[in-house]
Amino acid sequence: MADVILLILLVCVLYFLLCLLIAFVRAMLPGKRSRRSRFKDTFWTFFLEILNPLNWF
């Protein structure tokens, strides 16, 4: 049981880090908007996707 909980926590941490990485890379790309706003928009878009139960199937 503890292994399953540890695995779930590890997956959540890895997902969080992946969202951070994608948002950071996208924020570094040139564009008209500021880097901070692009980072914030990208991070929350990817991070909230995991909360959508329709994506779980």
C-alpha atoms as a PDB file:
ATOM      1  CA  MET A   1       0.000   0.000   0.000  1.00  0.00           C
ATOM      2  CA  ALA A   2       2.824   2.390   0.824  1.00  0.00           C
ATOM      3  CA  ASP A   3       4.420   1.588  -2.536  1.00  0.00           C
ATOM      4  CA  VAL A   4       1.284   2.652  -4.371  1.00  0.00           C
ATOM      5  CA  ILE A   5       1.080   5.936  -2.463  1.00  0.00           C
ATOM      6  CA  LEU A   6       4.767   6.597  -3.115  1.00  0.00           C
ATOM      7  CA  LEU A   7       4.276   5.860  -6.809  1.00  0.00           C
ATOM      8  CA  ILE A   8       1.313   8.243  -7.006  1.00  0.00           C
ATOM      9  CA  LEU A   9       3.324  10.985  -5.297  1.00  0.00           C
ATOM     10  CA  LEU A  10       6.272  10.396  -7.631  1.00  0.00           C
ATOM     11  CA  VAL A  11       4.056  10.647 -10.699  1.00  0.00           C
ATOM     12  CA  CYS A  12       2.536  13.890  -9.396  1.00  0.00           C
ATOM     13  CA  VAL A  13       5.969  15.393  -8.766  1.00  0.00           C
ATOM     14  CA  LEU A  14       7.204  14.330 -12.195  1.00  0.00           C
ATOM     15  CA  TYR A  15       4.101  15.786 -13.821  1.00  0.00           C
ATOM     16  CA  PHE A  16       4.628  19.068 -11.955  1.00  0.00           C
ATOM     17  CA  LEU A  17       8.262  19.209 -13.098  1.00  0.00           C
ATOM     18  CA  LEU A  18       7.271  18.439 -16.688  1.00  0.00           C
ATOM     19  CA  CYS A  19       4.733  21.282 -16.617  1.00  0.00           C
ATOM     20  CA  LEU A  20       7.416  23.611 -15.267  1.00  0.00           C
ATOM     21  CA  LEU A  21       9.841  22.576 -17.999  1.00  0.00           C
ATOM     22  CA  ILE A  22       7.326  23.048 -20.816  1.00  0.00           C
ATOM     23  CA  ALA A  23       6.235  26.420 -19.440  1.00  0.00           C
ATOM     24  CA  PHE A  24       9.855  27.553 -19.063  1.00  0.00           C
ATOM     25  CA  VAL A  25      10.785  26.560 -22.621  1.00  0.00           C
ATOM     26  CA  ARG A  26       7.683  28.245 -24.024  1.00  0.00           C
ATOM     27  CA  ALA A  27       8.387  31.399 -22.019  1.00  0.00           C
ATOM     28  CA  MET A  28      11.873  31.609 -23.547  1.00  0.00           C
ATOM     29  CA  LEU A  29      10.524  31.641 -27.116  1.00  0.00           C
ATOM     30  CA  PRO A  30      10.350  35.100 -28.667  1.00  0.00           C
ATOM     31  CA  GLY A  31       6.973  36.777 -28.855  1.00  0.00           C
ATOM     32  CA  LYS A  32       4.978  39.899 -28.186  1.00  0.00           C
ATOM     33  CA  ARG A  33       3.837  39.022 -24.664  1.00  0.00           C
ATOM     34  CA  SER A  34       6.065  39.088 -21.612  1.00  0.00           C
ATOM     35  CA  ARG A  35       7.871  35.959 -20.519  1.00  0.00           C
ATOM     36  CA  ARG A  36       6.184  35.957 -17.137  1.00  0.00           C
ATOM     37  CA  SER A  37       2.656  36.012 -18.573  1.00  0.00           C
ATOM     38  CA  ARG A  38       3.486  33.284 -21.121  1.00  0.00           C
ATOM     39  CA  PHE A  39       4.998  31.140 -18.361  1.00  0.00           C
ATOM     40  CA  LYS A  40       1.992  31.606 -16.096  1.00  0.00           C
ATOM     41  CA  ASP A  41      -0.549  30.887 -18.841  1.00  0.00           C
ATOM     42  CA  THR A  42       1.294  27.820 -20.104  1.00  0.00           C
ATOM     43  CA  PHE A  43       1.941  26.358 -16.656  1.00  0.00           C
ATOM     44  CA  TRP A  44      -1.650  26.624 -15.461  1.00  0.00           C
ATOM     45  CA  THR A  45      -2.995  25.296 -18.759  1.00  0.00           C
ATOM     46  CA  PHE A  46      -0.870  22.159 -18.581  1.00  0.00           C
ATOM     47  CA  PHE A  47      -1.164  21.738 -14.818  1.00  0.00           C
ATOM     48  CA  LEU A  48      -4.968  21.918 -14.792  1.00  0.00           C
ATOM     49  CA  GLU A  49      -5.238  19.356 -17.593  1.00  0.00           C
ATOM     50  CA  ILE A  50      -4.548  16.555 -15.128  1.00  0.00           C
ATOM     51  CA  LEU A  51      -7.559  17.658 -13.051  1.00  0.00           C
ATOM     52  CA  ASN A  52      -9.904  17.110 -15.992  1.00  0.00           C
ATOM     53  CA  PRO A  53     -11.354  13.613 -15.509  1.00  0.00           C
ATOM     54  CA  LEU A  54     -12.149  13.284 -19.223  1.00  0.00           C
ATOM     55  CA  ASN A  55      -8.403  13.145 -19.926  1.00  0.00           C
ATOM     56  CA  TRP A  56      -7.985  10.127 -17.664  1.00  0.00           C
ATOM     57  CA  PHE A  57      -9.644   7.735 -20.133  1.00  0.00           C
END
